[in-house]
Protein backbone atom coordinates (compact mmCIF):
# COMPACT_ATOMS: atom_id res chain seq x y z
CA MET A 1 136.14 146.49 18.74
CA TYR A 2 135.98 146.16 22.51
CA VAL A 3 138.20 144.56 25.16
CA ALA A 4 137.24 143.95 28.78
CA GLY A 5 139.13 144.04 32.04
CA ILE A 6 137.99 142.20 35.16
CA ASP A 7 139.48 143.27 38.50
CA ILE A 8 138.95 140.89 41.43
CA GLY A 9 139.68 142.94 44.50
CA THR A 10 139.45 142.05 48.15
CA THR A 11 136.44 144.28 48.78
CA SER A 12 134.96 144.80 45.32
CA ILE A 13 134.88 143.30 41.84
CA CYS A 14 134.77 145.44 38.71
CA ILE A 15 134.43 144.95 34.97
CA ILE A 16 135.33 147.64 32.50
CA VAL A 17 134.66 147.49 28.75
CA ILE A 18 136.72 149.81 26.55
CA ASN A 19 137.00 150.65 22.89
CA SER A 20 140.39 149.24 21.94
CA GLU A 21 140.94 151.94 19.31
CA ASP A 22 141.10 154.90 21.67
CA GLY A 23 140.63 153.65 25.24
CA ARG A 24 137.17 155.18 25.53
CA VAL A 25 135.28 153.54 28.38
CA ILE A 26 132.06 151.99 27.12
CA ARG A 27 130.80 150.55 30.38
CA THR A 28 131.89 150.12 33.97
CA VAL A 29 130.08 147.86 36.42
CA SER A 30 131.07 146.82 39.92
CA ARG A 31 129.75 145.01 42.95
CA VAL A 32 130.81 144.54 46.54
CA ASN A 33 132.86 141.38 46.99
CA ASP A 34 130.63 139.73 49.58
CA SER A 35 132.45 136.39 49.45
CA ALA A 36 134.18 136.70 52.84
CA MET A 37 133.73 133.55 54.92
CA PRO A 38 133.11 133.66 58.69
CA SER A 39 135.73 132.19 61.00
CA LEU A 40 136.23 131.61 64.69
CA GLU A 41 139.94 132.31 64.26
CA PHE A 42 140.93 135.97 64.52
CA TRP A 43 143.84 135.44 62.12
CA GLU A 44 141.92 133.73 59.34
CA ARG A 45 140.87 135.65 56.21
CA THR A 46 139.19 133.53 53.54
CA GLN A 47 136.73 134.08 50.70
CA ASN A 48 134.41 131.77 48.79
CA ALA A 49 136.02 131.31 45.36
CA ASP A 50 132.85 130.09 43.68
CA ARG A 51 130.91 133.08 45.01
CA ILE A 52 133.51 135.29 43.29
CA VAL A 53 132.97 133.40 40.02
CA GLU A 54 129.24 133.91 40.48
CA LEU A 55 129.72 137.67 41.01
CA VAL A 56 131.82 137.88 37.85
CA GLY A 57 129.00 136.20 35.95
CA VAL A 58 126.49 138.69 37.34
CA LEU A 59 128.70 141.61 36.29
CA ILE A 60 129.10 140.19 32.78
CA ALA A 61 125.31 140.05 32.56
CA ASP A 62 125.19 143.67 33.77
CA CYS A 63 127.24 144.68 30.72
CA HIS A 64 124.24 143.80 28.56
CA GLU A 65 124.65 144.29 24.82
CA ASP A 66 128.17 145.76 25.09
CA TRP A 67 129.53 142.34 25.99
CA ILE A 68 128.63 141.02 22.54
CA ASN A 69 131.34 143.19 20.98
CA VAL A 70 134.09 142.19 23.44
CA GLN A 71 136.88 140.31 21.67
CA SER A 72 139.34 139.69 24.51
CA ILE A 73 139.23 139.61 28.31
CA GLY A 74 142.02 140.53 30.72
CA ILE A 75 141.94 139.76 34.43
CA SER A 76 143.55 141.52 37.39
CA CYS A 77 143.42 139.99 40.84
CA GLN A 78 144.36 140.52 44.46
CA MET A 79 147.89 139.21 44.86
CA HIS A 80 149.58 136.70 47.19
CA GLY A 81 146.51 134.61 48.06
CA VAL A 82 145.80 131.09 46.79
CA LEU A 83 143.16 128.37 46.67
CA TYR A 84 143.26 124.66 45.86
CA VAL A 85 141.50 123.10 42.85
CA ASN A 86 140.84 119.47 41.96
CA GLU A 87 141.65 117.69 38.68
CA GLU A 88 138.43 119.01 37.15
CA GLY A 89 139.48 122.58 37.88
CA ARG A 90 136.94 123.17 40.65
CA ALA A 91 137.73 124.80 43.97
CA VAL A 92 138.11 122.41 46.90
CA SER A 93 139.14 125.10 49.38
CA PRO A 94 138.34 128.72 50.07
CA LEU A 95 140.57 131.47 48.77
CA PHE A 96 143.18 132.17 51.45
CA THR A 97 143.63 135.90 50.91
CA TRP A 98 146.69 138.12 51.26
CA GLN A 99 145.33 139.21 54.65
CA ASP A 100 145.31 135.68 56.06
CA GLY A 101 147.41 135.49 59.21
CA ARG A 102 148.18 131.80 59.66
CA GLY A 103 151.75 132.46 58.57
CA ASP A 104 152.26 134.50 61.74
CA LEU A 105 151.32 131.57 63.98
CA HIS A 106 154.24 129.85 65.66
CA PHE A 107 155.80 126.72 64.21
CA THR A 108 157.59 124.03 66.24
CA SER A 109 160.86 125.86 65.55
CA GLY A 110 159.70 128.64 67.85
CA LEU A 111 159.56 131.01 64.90
CA THR A 112 156.44 131.80 62.91
CA TYR A 113 155.60 129.70 59.88
CA ALA A 114 156.62 132.59 57.62
CA ALA A 115 159.90 133.16 59.44
CA THR A 116 160.65 129.43 59.49
CA LEU A 117 160.13 129.18 55.74
CA THR A 118 162.36 132.23 55.24
CA ASP A 119 165.04 130.63 57.41
CA TRP A 120 164.84 127.28 55.61
CA THR A 121 164.77 128.60 52.05
CA GLY A 122 166.60 131.93 52.09
CA TYR A 123 163.65 133.58 50.33
CA PRO A 124 161.82 136.45 52.10
CA MET A 125 158.41 135.03 53.00
CA HIS A 126 155.51 136.78 54.71
CA THR A 127 152.14 135.76 56.05
CA GLY A 128 149.51 135.87 53.33
CA PHE A 129 151.95 134.63 50.68
CA GLY A 130 150.38 131.61 48.98
CA LEU A 131 153.30 129.29 49.60
CA VAL A 132 153.45 130.27 53.28
CA THR A 133 149.83 129.19 53.42
CA HIS A 134 150.76 125.99 51.56
CA PHE A 135 153.57 125.37 54.04
CA TYR A 136 151.16 125.76 56.96
CA MET A 137 148.57 123.51 55.31
CA THR A 138 151.25 120.89 54.64
CA GLN A 139 152.56 120.92 58.18
CA GLN A 140 149.05 120.81 59.65
CA ASP A 141 147.95 118.09 57.21
CA GLU A 142 145.04 120.28 56.12
CA ILE A 143 145.44 120.17 52.33
CA PRO A 144 142.08 119.03 50.92
CA LEU A 145 142.12 115.37 49.87
CA ARG A 146 141.02 116.07 46.30
CA ALA A 147 143.39 119.01 45.79
CA ALA A 148 145.50 118.73 42.63
CA LYS A 149 146.84 122.27 42.10
CA LEU A 150 146.96 125.63 43.79
CA CYS A 151 146.34 128.91 41.98
CA THR A 152 145.34 132.54 42.46
CA ILE A 153 141.75 133.70 42.32
CA GLY A 154 142.46 135.32 38.94
CA ASP A 155 143.71 132.01 37.57
CA TYR A 156 140.58 130.33 38.88
CA VAL A 157 138.21 132.82 37.27
CA ALA A 158 140.09 132.47 33.95
CA MET A 159 139.74 128.68 34.15
CA ARG A 160 136.04 128.88 34.84
CA LEU A 161 135.40 131.36 32.03
CA CYS A 162 137.09 129.01 29.56
CA GLY A 163 135.96 125.70 31.03
CA GLU A 164 139.58 124.63 31.56
CA ALA A 165 140.66 122.09 34.17
CA ALA A 166 144.28 123.13 34.85
CA PRO A 167 145.43 126.61 35.91
CA PHE A 168 148.09 128.75 34.27
CA MET A 169 149.89 131.35 36.38
CA ASP A 170 151.47 134.53 35.05
CA ARG A 171 154.83 135.48 36.53
CA THR A 172 153.34 138.60 38.14
CA ASN A 173 151.22 136.34 40.33
CA ALA A 174 153.83 133.58 40.64
CA ALA A 175 156.30 136.01 42.21
CA SER A 176 153.62 137.19 44.65
CA ILE A 177 153.00 133.79 46.24
CA GLY A 178 156.67 133.31 47.09
CA LEU A 179 159.63 130.99 46.39
CA TYR A 180 159.87 132.34 42.84
CA SER A 181 163.25 133.19 41.34
CA LEU A 182 163.24 136.43 39.37
CA GLU A 183 166.60 135.51 37.88
CA THR A 184 165.44 132.19 36.41
CA GLY A 185 161.74 132.96 36.01
CA ARG A 186 160.87 129.71 37.78
CA PHE A 187 159.66 128.49 41.15
CA ALA A 188 162.47 127.27 43.42
CA LYS A 189 161.06 123.73 43.49
CA GLU A 190 164.03 122.29 45.34
CA LYS A 191 163.38 124.76 48.16
CA LEU A 192 159.78 123.62 48.37
CA SER A 193 160.89 120.00 48.58
CA ASP A 194 163.50 120.84 51.23
CA ALA A 195 160.73 122.45 53.28
CA GLY A 196 158.58 119.32 53.02
CA MET A 197 156.11 120.68 50.47
CA ASP A 198 154.88 118.81 47.41
CA ASP A 199 155.83 120.89 44.36
CA SER A 200 153.33 119.03 42.19
CA PHE A 201 150.70 121.44 43.52
CA LEU A 202 152.37 124.30 41.64
CA PRO A 203 150.53 125.36 38.48
CA GLU A 204 152.12 125.60 35.06
CA LEU A 205 153.78 128.97 34.49
CA ALA A 206 152.46 131.04 31.60
CA THR A 207 154.45 133.06 29.12
CA ASN A 208 153.90 136.83 29.03
CA GLY A 209 150.40 137.50 27.74
CA GLN A 210 149.53 133.83 27.34
CA LEU A 211 145.95 133.03 26.42
CA VAL A 212 144.15 130.62 28.74
CA GLY A 213 141.50 129.74 26.18
CA GLU A 214 138.16 130.95 24.88
CA THR A 215 134.75 131.44 26.40
CA VAL A 216 131.80 129.55 24.98
CA ASP A 217 130.96 132.61 22.88
CA GLY A 218 134.47 132.86 21.42
CA LYS A 219 136.15 135.57 23.49
CA THR A 220 139.84 135.02 24.22
CA VAL A 221 140.80 135.05 27.91
CA VAL A 222 144.29 136.20 28.86
CA CYS A 223 146.13 134.75 31.86
CA ALA A 224 145.46 136.83 34.97
CA ILE A 225 148.03 139.37 36.19
CA GLY A 226 148.63 140.91 39.61
CA ASP A 227 146.56 143.95 40.57
CA ASN A 228 149.67 146.02 41.36
CA GLN A 229 151.00 145.55 37.82
CA ALA A 230 147.55 146.06 36.32
CA SER A 231 147.05 149.28 38.29
CA PHE A 232 150.39 150.65 37.11
CA LEU A 233 149.56 149.78 33.51
CA GLY A 234 146.10 151.32 33.84
CA ALA A 235 147.19 154.54 35.55
CA VAL A 236 150.41 155.82 33.96
CA PRO A 237 150.71 157.49 30.54
CA SER A 238 154.13 155.86 30.05
CA PHE A 239 156.29 153.40 31.96
CA LYS A 240 159.20 155.75 32.70
CA GLY A 241 159.30 158.87 34.88
CA ASN A 242 156.08 158.13 36.78
CA LEU A 243 155.74 157.29 40.47
CA LEU A 244 152.50 155.44 41.15
CA VAL A 245 151.21 156.18 44.64
CA ASN A 246 148.31 153.92 45.53
CA VAL A 247 146.34 154.34 48.73
CA GLY A 248 143.57 151.81 49.14
CA THR A 249 143.11 149.28 51.93
CA GLY A 250 146.90 149.18 52.10
CA SER A 251 149.25 151.53 50.28
CA GLN A 252 152.25 151.28 48.02
CA VAL A 253 154.61 153.14 45.72
CA SER A 254 155.67 151.63 42.40
CA VAL A 255 158.17 152.65 39.76
CA TYR A 256 159.21 150.95 36.52
CA THR A 257 162.69 149.67 35.73
CA PRO A 258 163.61 147.81 32.54
CA GLU A 259 166.38 145.97 34.40
CA PHE A 260 166.39 143.66 37.40
CA ILE A 261 167.32 145.65 40.53
CA GLN A 262 167.17 144.79 44.21
CA CYS A 263 166.89 147.47 46.90
CA PRO A 264 166.50 147.33 50.69
CA LEU A 265 162.89 147.41 51.93
CA LEU A 266 161.56 147.17 48.36
CA ASN A 267 160.00 144.32 46.42
CA THR A 268 161.20 143.74 42.88
CA ARG A 269 158.18 142.46 40.98
CA PRO A 270 158.02 141.20 37.39
CA PHE A 271 156.03 143.43 35.11
CA VAL A 272 153.84 142.55 32.12
CA ASP A 273 156.71 143.11 29.69
CA ASP A 274 160.25 141.90 30.37
CA GLY A 275 160.81 144.69 32.89
CA TYR A 276 160.09 145.07 36.60
CA LEU A 277 158.38 147.24 39.17
CA LEU A 278 160.19 148.39 42.30
CA VAL A 279 157.48 148.41 44.96
CA GLY A 280 157.35 149.67 48.51
CA ALA A 281 154.29 148.01 50.02
CA SER A 282 152.76 149.09 53.32
CA LEU A 283 150.12 147.34 55.35
CA SER A 284 148.98 150.81 56.33
CA GLY A 285 146.80 153.08 54.22
CA GLY A 286 143.04 153.19 54.18
CA LYS A 287 143.00 150.58 56.95
CA SER A 288 144.91 152.94 59.25
CA TYR A 289 142.64 155.86 58.35
CA GLU A 290 139.74 153.55 59.20
CA VAL A 291 141.24 153.05 62.67
CA LEU A 292 140.90 156.80 63.23
CA GLU A 293 137.38 156.81 61.80
CA GLN A 294 136.40 154.05 64.22
CA PHE A 295 137.90 156.06 67.08
CA PHE A 296 135.82 159.11 66.19
CA ARG A 297 132.78 156.87 65.77
CA ALA A 298 133.31 155.49 69.28
CA VAL A 299 133.67 159.02 70.70
CA LEU A 300 130.43 160.06 69.06
CA GLY A 301 128.72 156.97 70.39
CA ALA A 302 129.97 157.65 73.90
CA PHE A 303 129.23 161.38 74.11
CA ALA A 304 126.73 162.37 71.45
CA GLU A 305 124.78 161.28 68.43
CA GLY A 306 126.53 162.16 65.18
CA ASP A 307 125.98 161.68 61.48
CA GLU A 308 128.16 158.59 61.12
CA CYS A 309 127.84 158.45 57.36
CA ARG A 310 129.73 161.74 57.03
CA LEU A 311 132.68 160.95 59.28
CA TYR A 312 135.25 160.51 56.51
CA GLU A 313 134.10 163.70 54.83
CA THR A 314 134.48 165.57 58.11
CA MET A 315 137.88 164.02 58.77
CA ASN A 316 139.13 165.12 55.35
CA ARG A 317 137.93 168.67 56.00
CA LEU A 318 139.60 168.76 59.41
CA ALA A 319 142.88 167.60 57.90
CA GLU A 320 142.71 170.34 55.25
CA GLU A 321 142.28 172.91 58.02
CA ALA A 322 145.16 171.49 60.03
CA ILE A 323 147.80 171.54 57.29
CA THR A 324 147.30 175.29 56.78
CA ILE A 325 148.06 176.15 60.43
CA SER A 326 151.64 176.68 61.65
CA ILE A 327 151.51 174.42 64.68
CA PRO A 328 154.08 171.70 65.40
CA PRO A 329 152.33 168.62 64.05
CA LEU A 330 151.61 165.41 65.84
CA ARG A 331 153.82 162.57 64.70
CA VAL A 332 151.80 159.45 64.02
CA GLY A 333 153.22 156.07 63.09
CA THR A 334 150.44 154.24 61.29
CA GLN A 335 151.85 150.71 61.43
CA PHE A 336 148.78 149.51 63.31
CA PHE A 337 148.86 146.28 61.33
CA GLY A 338 152.61 145.77 61.51
CA THR A 339 154.90 145.74 58.49
CA ARG A 340 155.99 143.01 56.10
CA GLU A 341 159.38 142.90 57.78
CA ASN A 342 158.05 143.13 61.35
CA PRO A 343 154.45 141.92 61.79
CA GLN A 344 154.65 142.78 65.51
CA SER A 345 155.34 146.46 64.82
CA THR A 346 152.79 148.84 66.35
CA GLY A 347 151.59 152.36 65.74
CA PHE A 348 152.32 155.38 67.91
CA ILE A 349 151.38 159.02 68.49
CA GLU A 350 153.99 161.43 69.82
CA GLY A 351 154.80 165.11 69.99
CA ILE A 352 151.53 165.86 71.77
CA ARG A 353 151.23 169.49 72.95
CA ALA A 354 148.39 171.54 74.34
CA ASP A 355 147.98 173.37 71.01
CA ASN A 356 148.01 170.34 68.71
CA PHE A 357 145.98 167.78 70.62
CA ASN A 358 142.78 168.24 68.65
CA PRO A 359 140.84 166.37 65.96
CA GLN A 360 142.31 168.47 63.16
CA GLN A 361 145.95 167.78 63.98
CA LEU A 362 145.27 164.17 64.87
CA THR A 363 143.67 163.57 61.46
CA ALA A 364 146.49 165.36 59.66
CA GLY A 365 148.99 163.33 61.69
CA PHE A 366 147.48 160.10 60.41
CA LEU A 367 147.80 161.31 56.82
CA HIS A 368 151.41 162.33 57.42
CA GLY A 369 152.13 158.89 58.88
CA ILE A 370 150.62 157.01 55.94
CA LEU A 371 152.59 159.07 53.42
CA ASP A 372 155.85 159.18 55.40
CA GLU A 373 156.13 155.41 55.23
CA LEU A 374 155.73 155.58 51.45
CA VAL A 375 158.28 158.39 51.17
CA GLY A 376 160.71 156.18 53.07
CA PHE A 377 160.28 153.49 50.44
CA THR A 378 160.83 156.01 47.65
CA GLN A 379 164.15 157.07 49.16
CA GLN A 380 165.40 153.53 48.52
CA PHE A 381 165.05 153.92 44.74
CA PRO A 382 168.40 154.09 42.91
CA ASN A 383 169.30 157.69 42.07
CA PRO A 384 169.12 157.18 38.26
CA ILE A 385 165.45 156.26 38.72
CA LEU A 386 164.67 158.76 41.50
CA SER A 387 166.21 161.71 39.64
CA LYS A 388 164.10 161.07 36.53
CA LEU A 389 160.72 161.04 38.23
CA THR A 390 158.57 163.82 36.80
CA ARG A 391 155.19 163.24 38.38
CA ILE A 392 153.10 161.36 40.89
CA VAL A 393 150.26 159.34 39.43
CA ALA A 394 147.84 158.76 42.29
CA SER A 395 145.37 155.90 42.46
CA GLY A 396 143.01 154.38 44.97
CA ASN A 397 140.04 155.92 46.74
CA GLY A 398 142.13 156.62 49.84
CA ILE A 399 143.92 159.46 48.04
CA ARG A 400 141.55 160.21 45.17
CA HIS A 401 138.85 161.47 47.57
CA ASN A 402 141.19 163.18 50.04
CA VAL A 403 142.40 166.63 48.99
CA ALA A 404 144.52 167.04 52.13
CA MET A 405 146.41 163.84 51.35
CA GLN A 406 146.95 165.01 47.77
CA ARG A 407 148.43 168.32 48.97
CA LEU A 408 150.70 166.58 51.45
CA ALA A 409 151.87 164.14 48.76
CA GLN A 410 152.91 167.01 46.49
CA LEU A 411 154.83 168.65 49.34
CA LYS A 412 156.57 165.49 50.45
CA TRP A 413 157.69 164.33 47.00
CA GLN A 414 158.03 167.80 45.47
CA LEU A 415 156.34 166.53 42.32
CA PRO A 416 153.08 167.43 40.58
CA ILE A 417 150.26 164.98 41.15
CA THR A 418 147.90 163.62 38.52
CA PHE A 419 145.30 160.88 38.37
CA GLY A 420 144.82 158.12 35.84
CA LYS A 421 142.19 158.70 33.18
CA VAL A 422 140.01 155.96 34.66
CA LYS A 423 139.23 155.44 38.34
CA GLU A 424 139.19 151.66 38.01
CA GLU A 425 142.92 151.50 37.22
CA ALA A 426 143.39 147.76 37.73
CA ALA A 427 140.43 146.80 35.53
CA PHE A 428 141.55 149.34 32.91
CA GLY A 429 145.10 147.94 33.04
CA ALA A 430 143.77 144.41 32.61
CA ALA A 431 141.89 145.55 29.50
CA ILE A 432 145.05 147.21 28.10
CA HIS A 433 146.96 144.00 28.81
CA ALA A 434 144.31 142.02 26.91
CA SER A 435 144.56 144.38 23.93
CA VAL A 436 148.31 143.70 23.64
CA ALA A 437 148.13 139.97 24.40
CA SER A 438 145.45 139.42 21.78
CA GLY A 439 147.48 141.25 19.13
CA LEU A 440 145.41 144.43 18.82
CA TYR A 441 148.59 146.39 19.62
CA ARG A 442 152.13 145.25 18.97
CA ASN A 443 153.45 146.41 22.37
CA TYR A 444 152.47 148.30 25.52
CA GLU A 445 154.08 151.57 24.47
CA VAL A 446 151.85 151.78 21.41
CA ALA A 447 148.81 150.72 23.44
CA LEU A 448 149.38 153.42 26.07
CA GLN A 449 149.83 156.09 23.41
CA ARG A 450 146.40 155.23 22.07
CA VAL A 451 144.29 154.37 25.09
CA GLN A 452 145.74 156.85 27.63
CA ARG A 453 145.22 159.90 25.42
CA SER A 454 143.82 162.83 27.36
CA ASP A 455 141.20 163.62 24.69
CA THR A 456 139.21 160.50 25.55
CA ASN A 457 136.69 160.67 28.37
CA GLU A 458 136.06 158.43 31.31
CA ALA A 459 132.62 156.89 31.54
């Protein structure tokens, strides 16, 4: 019996089909998410929601005969972003992604839209959060005329797979769009109203593991969950004692807690059970490493012709060389895209000496900077959690393909580093979630014991 996980990422979309008995991967298919929409505004980041639905359909077709045996479908999606749908459940706006910057534009208060909403509601709000976008759209009178509800892209794909007209939103995604109370498990509707927003646009909240409906061929579809939670579920062998370090476009550290805890600089996010993840989320990561790659590309273009396709490979090799040499390292702050708390924050390079101003040390300095921000988040974990960490579980191509970063991570956290059984952690986690929600396993602990066994092989 098979279950499937669909991961709708910012840059790619993936479907994984697994055997629910042992977690063996039957098929993995993926495609570039080419749904990005052009814009004349430098701050705007939108994607075509119906193009994403189309890509999901193409990937399902790519699964061929294996799809026949799929019983249940889980969905993981990029968090924070939203789109508007009409009463028939069809998109009437693009997907405003988590990278959208309209929340950093200035409101009449003199503050940004995000800061104004934070000031008015008392909830920490950042640009890219769905309800910051909704606040901007409300104030600018830009909500589409036929809009009835807002939802995440995962909710939208689930609706379209089942032919439903109204979205359901899991609490993992509800918390990500803002103005959601972790204590009550509800949106703070009175805060929305106080800020001049119509709370009727909010979707109905789903219970943990709620089924959205069935596809035309009888497969149950589980309400979409956030990609951070799905990645944790798909990467770790157990909830406790594992620090998930993800380095992708951005980067983050996540740790499980069964109880509600709040810590400075950390996000407390609802998990798929009744517990929570403590998350330190950085806007840096692969994007900052890309800044360095673009710098080297520009140097090559200015002075010589180089093999541009091998730049990352060369950078990784240079960094490995640098970390074995006893030279005072460059100190690089990689906040080139700001931080959640301070969007205007900038990066820096300091400690430059005659013996360390070279490509090797510069590359290593970038890796140090990316990881140092994550280490800073980890230091905010309560000691009872921090003292019980036994390993790093690494995920994301930014660290999976970078041996130098892996070595530095082990040194900085003083913990052994492992990788999840499956590279597509979020899609795998969505499939595990579907196996529990559909009743194939009675809880997540039992599911992980079966599907994360080391004697099963990745496809």
